[in-house]
Amino acid sequence: MAEKTRDEIEHLKRNWLDDPHWDVEHTEGFEDHRDELKAFHDGITEKRRQKDQAEHEARIAALDAKAGLGGNRALAEYIISMEDRIESLDSHAERLSERIDENMYGSGRFG
């Protein structure tokens, strides 16, 4: 297997950043660069985890200040989980409503 050029490796990394739902280190043709790609993957994953954690902590602090929870982290975590669940349910309901509209009005039955 021929080694890839630096440009090819960097191009692969940029493509993965646009769609990180695959393991970049297992990309066919880049086997000779697995260690570098694995380190890149792990580094980006850790940065995202740290960013998510920092955002979560900021959200807890803001909720605590707004609702006067007195530092009750368990209550803040519970409220945040309920807010997230409500947001998810709203999103699912909206998509369902759109599909119903498409089926009803797109079929010509009610249009």
C-alpha atoms as a PDB file:
ATOM      1  CA  MET A   1       0.000   0.000   0.000  1.00  0.00           C
ATOM      2  CA  ALA A   2       1.493   3.344  -1.029  1.00  0.00           C
ATOM      3  CA  GLU A   3       1.730   6.093   1.539  1.00  0.00           C
ATOM      4  CA  LYS A   4      -0.572   9.014   1.001  1.00  0.00           C
ATOM      5  CA  THR A   5       0.651  12.569   0.546  1.00  0.00           C
ATOM      6  CA  ARG A   6       0.243  15.133   3.294  1.00  0.00           C
ATOM      7  CA  ASP A   7      -2.412  16.880   1.157  1.00  0.00           C
ATOM      8  CA  GLU A   8      -4.397  13.654   0.837  1.00  0.00           C
ATOM      9  CA  ILE A   9      -4.255  13.067   4.583  1.00  0.00           C
ATOM     10  CA  GLU A  10      -5.315  16.636   5.382  1.00  0.00           C
ATOM     11  CA  HIS A  11      -8.122  16.407   2.813  1.00  0.00           C
ATOM     12  CA  LEU A  12      -9.358  13.221   4.479  1.00  0.00           C
ATOM     13  CA  LYS A  13      -9.288  14.929   7.885  1.00  0.00           C
ATOM     14  CA  ARG A  14     -11.307  17.895   6.578  1.00  0.00           C
ATOM     15  CA  ASN A  15     -13.861  15.532   5.034  1.00  0.00           C
ATOM     16  CA  TRP A  16     -14.162  13.682   8.320  1.00  0.00           C
ATOM     17  CA  LEU A  17     -14.700  16.943  10.222  1.00  0.00           C
ATOM     18  CA  ASP A  18     -17.654  17.656   7.910  1.00  0.00           C
ATOM     19  CA  ASP A  19     -19.096  14.186   8.572  1.00  0.00           C
ATOM     20  CA  PRO A  20     -17.578  12.605  11.694  1.00  0.00           C
ATOM     21  CA  HIS A  21     -19.945   9.628  11.744  1.00  0.00           C
ATOM     22  CA  TRP A  22     -17.292   7.143  10.690  1.00  0.00           C
ATOM     23  CA  ASP A  23     -13.928   6.073  12.043  1.00  0.00           C
ATOM     24  CA  VAL A  24     -11.419   8.050  10.002  1.00  0.00           C
ATOM     25  CA  GLU A  25      -8.574   5.802  11.161  1.00  0.00           C
ATOM     26  CA  HIS A  26     -10.161   2.848   9.356  1.00  0.00           C
ATOM     27  CA  THR A  27     -10.410   4.564   5.972  1.00  0.00           C
ATOM     28  CA  GLU A  28      -9.485   2.226   3.154  1.00  0.00           C
ATOM     29  CA  GLY A  29      -6.241   3.195   1.495  1.00  0.00           C
ATOM     30  CA  PHE A  30      -4.944   5.060   4.560  1.00  0.00           C
ATOM     31  CA  GLU A  31      -3.846   2.016   6.559  1.00  0.00           C
ATOM     32  CA  ASP A  32      -0.245   3.294   6.724  1.00  0.00           C
ATOM     33  CA  HIS A  33      -1.522   6.416   8.519  1.00  0.00           C
ATOM     34  CA  ARG A  34      -3.785   4.719  11.038  1.00  0.00           C
ATOM     35  CA  ASP A  35      -1.887   5.945  14.119  1.00  0.00           C
ATOM     36  CA  GLU A  36      -1.941   9.574  12.971  1.00  0.00           C
ATOM     37  CA  LEU A  37      -5.607   9.391  12.021  1.00  0.00           C
ATOM     38  CA  LYS A  38      -6.522   7.677  15.300  1.00  0.00           C
ATOM     39  CA  ALA A  39      -4.705  10.400  17.268  1.00  0.00           C
ATOM     40  CA  PHE A  40      -6.534  13.054  15.207  1.00  0.00           C
ATOM     41  CA  HIS A  41      -9.895  11.343  15.784  1.00  0.00           C
ATOM     42  CA  ASP A  42      -9.280  10.985  19.515  1.00  0.00           C
ATOM     43  CA  GLY A  43      -8.084  14.588  19.838  1.00  0.00           C
ATOM     44  CA  ILE A  44     -11.139  16.026  18.110  1.00  0.00           C
ATOM     45  CA  THR A  45     -13.459  13.755  20.091  1.00  0.00           C
ATOM     46  CA  GLU A  46     -11.887  14.903  23.371  1.00  0.00           C
ATOM     47  CA  LYS A  47     -12.124  18.581  22.394  1.00  0.00           C
ATOM     48  CA  ARG A  48     -15.811  18.134  21.569  1.00  0.00           C
ATOM     49  CA  ARG A  49     -16.409  16.301  24.850  1.00  0.00           C
ATOM     50  CA  GLN A  50     -14.736  19.106  26.801  1.00  0.00           C
ATOM     51  CA  LYS A  51     -16.745  21.738  24.915  1.00  0.00           C
ATOM     52  CA  ASP A  52     -19.990  19.850  25.566  1.00  0.00           C
ATOM     53  CA  GLN A  53     -19.106  19.503  29.247  1.00  0.00           C
ATOM     54  CA  ALA A  54     -18.288  23.215  29.549  1.00  0.00           C
ATOM     55  CA  GLU A  55     -21.598  24.122  27.873  1.00  0.00           C
ATOM     56  CA  HIS A  56     -23.443  21.773  30.207  1.00  0.00           C
ATOM     57  CA  GLU A  57     -21.782  23.305  33.270  1.00  0.00           C
ATOM     58  CA  ALA A  58     -22.656  26.799  32.031  1.00  0.00           C
ATOM     59  CA  ARG A  59     -26.247  25.691  31.500  1.00  0.00           C
ATOM     60  CA  ILE A  60     -26.412  24.356  35.071  1.00  0.00           C
ATOM     61  CA  ALA A  61     -24.980  27.595  36.451  1.00  0.00           C
ATOM     62  CA  ALA A  62     -27.413  29.714  34.444  1.00  0.00           C
ATOM     63  CA  LEU A  63     -30.382  27.629  35.552  1.00  0.00           C
ATOM     64  CA  ASP A  64     -29.237  27.755  39.162  1.00  0.00           C
ATOM     65  CA  ALA A  65     -28.969  31.548  39.005  1.00  0.00           C
ATOM     66  CA  LYS A  66     -32.276  32.005  37.155  1.00  0.00           C
ATOM     67  CA  ALA A  67     -34.357  29.602  39.229  1.00  0.00           C
ATOM     68  CA  GLY A  68     -32.613  30.113  42.549  1.00  0.00           C
ATOM     69  CA  LEU A  69     -31.816  26.449  43.057  1.00  0.00           C
ATOM     70  CA  GLY A  70     -29.249  27.187  45.742  1.00  0.00           C
ATOM     71  CA  GLY A  71     -26.604  25.018  44.117  1.00  0.00           C
ATOM     72  CA  ASN A  72     -28.839  21.944  43.990  1.00  0.00           C
ATOM     73  CA  ARG A  73     -27.055  20.228  41.112  1.00  0.00           C
ATOM     74  CA  ALA A  74     -29.323  17.183  41.106  1.00  0.00           C
ATOM     75  CA  LEU A  75     -32.377  19.382  40.642  1.00  0.00           C
ATOM     76  CA  ALA A  76     -30.639  21.400  37.908  1.00  0.00           C
ATOM     77  CA  GLU A  77     -29.662  18.171  36.113  1.00  0.00           C
ATOM     78  CA  TYR A  78     -33.246  16.915  36.344  1.00  0.00           C
ATOM     79  CA  ILE A  79     -34.711  20.158  35.009  1.00  0.00           C
ATOM     80  CA  ILE A  80     -32.217  20.208  32.157  1.00  0.00           C
ATOM     81  CA  SER A  81     -33.035  16.612  31.266  1.00  0.00           C
ATOM     82  CA  MET A  82     -36.742  17.496  31.207  1.00  0.00           C
ATOM     83  CA  GLU A  83     -36.084  20.579  29.053  1.00  0.00           C
ATOM     84  CA  ASP A  84     -34.095  18.435  26.625  1.00  0.00           C
ATOM     85  CA  ARG A  85     -36.817  15.818  26.539  1.00  0.00           C
ATOM     86  CA  ILE A  86     -39.489  18.438  25.858  1.00  0.00           C
ATOM     87  CA  GLU A  87     -37.378  19.895  23.057  1.00  0.00           C
ATOM     88  CA  SER A  88     -36.945  16.434  21.544  1.00  0.00           C
ATOM     89  CA  LEU A  89     -40.672  15.690  21.770  1.00  0.00           C
ATOM     90  CA  ASP A  90     -41.494  19.060  20.204  1.00  0.00           C
ATOM     91  CA  SER A  91     -39.136  18.284  17.347  1.00  0.00           C
ATOM     92  CA  HIS A  92     -40.665  14.847  16.796  1.00  0.00           C
ATOM     93  CA  ALA A  93     -44.187  16.295  16.937  1.00  0.00           C
ATOM     94  CA  GLU A  94     -43.261  18.959  14.383  1.00  0.00           C
ATOM     95  CA  ARG A  95     -41.813  16.366  11.996  1.00  0.00           C
ATOM     96  CA  LEU A  96     -44.895  14.184  12.456  1.00  0.00           C
ATOM     97  CA  SER A  97     -47.169  17.124  11.755  1.00  0.00           C
ATOM     98  CA  GLU A  98     -45.231  17.915   8.586  1.00  0.00           C
ATOM     99  CA  ARG A  99     -45.520  14.317   7.400  1.00  0.00           C
ATOM    100  CA  ILE A 100     -49.260  14.299   8.088  1.00  0.00           C
ATOM    101  CA  ASP A 101     -49.646  17.533   6.127  1.00  0.00           C
ATOM    102  CA  GLU A 102     -47.603  16.091   3.257  1.00  0.00           C
ATOM    103  CA  ASN A 103     -49.729  12.951   3.173  1.00  0.00           C
ATOM    104  CA  MET A 104     -53.046  14.773   3.463  1.00  0.00           C
ATOM    105  CA  TYR A 105     -52.437  17.758   1.219  1.00  0.00           C
ATOM    106  CA  GLY A 106     -49.846  16.224  -1.056  1.00  0.00           C
ATOM    107  CA  SER A 107     -52.214  13.432  -2.048  1.00  0.00           C
ATOM    108  CA  GLY A 108     -54.759  15.853  -3.457  1.00  0.00           C
ATOM    109  CA  ARG A 109     -57.436  14.638  -1.077  1.00  0.00           C
ATOM    110  CA  PHE A 110     -57.718  17.959   0.753  1.00  0.00           C
ATOM    111  CA  GLY A 111     -56.030  20.436  -1.547  1.00  0.00           C
END
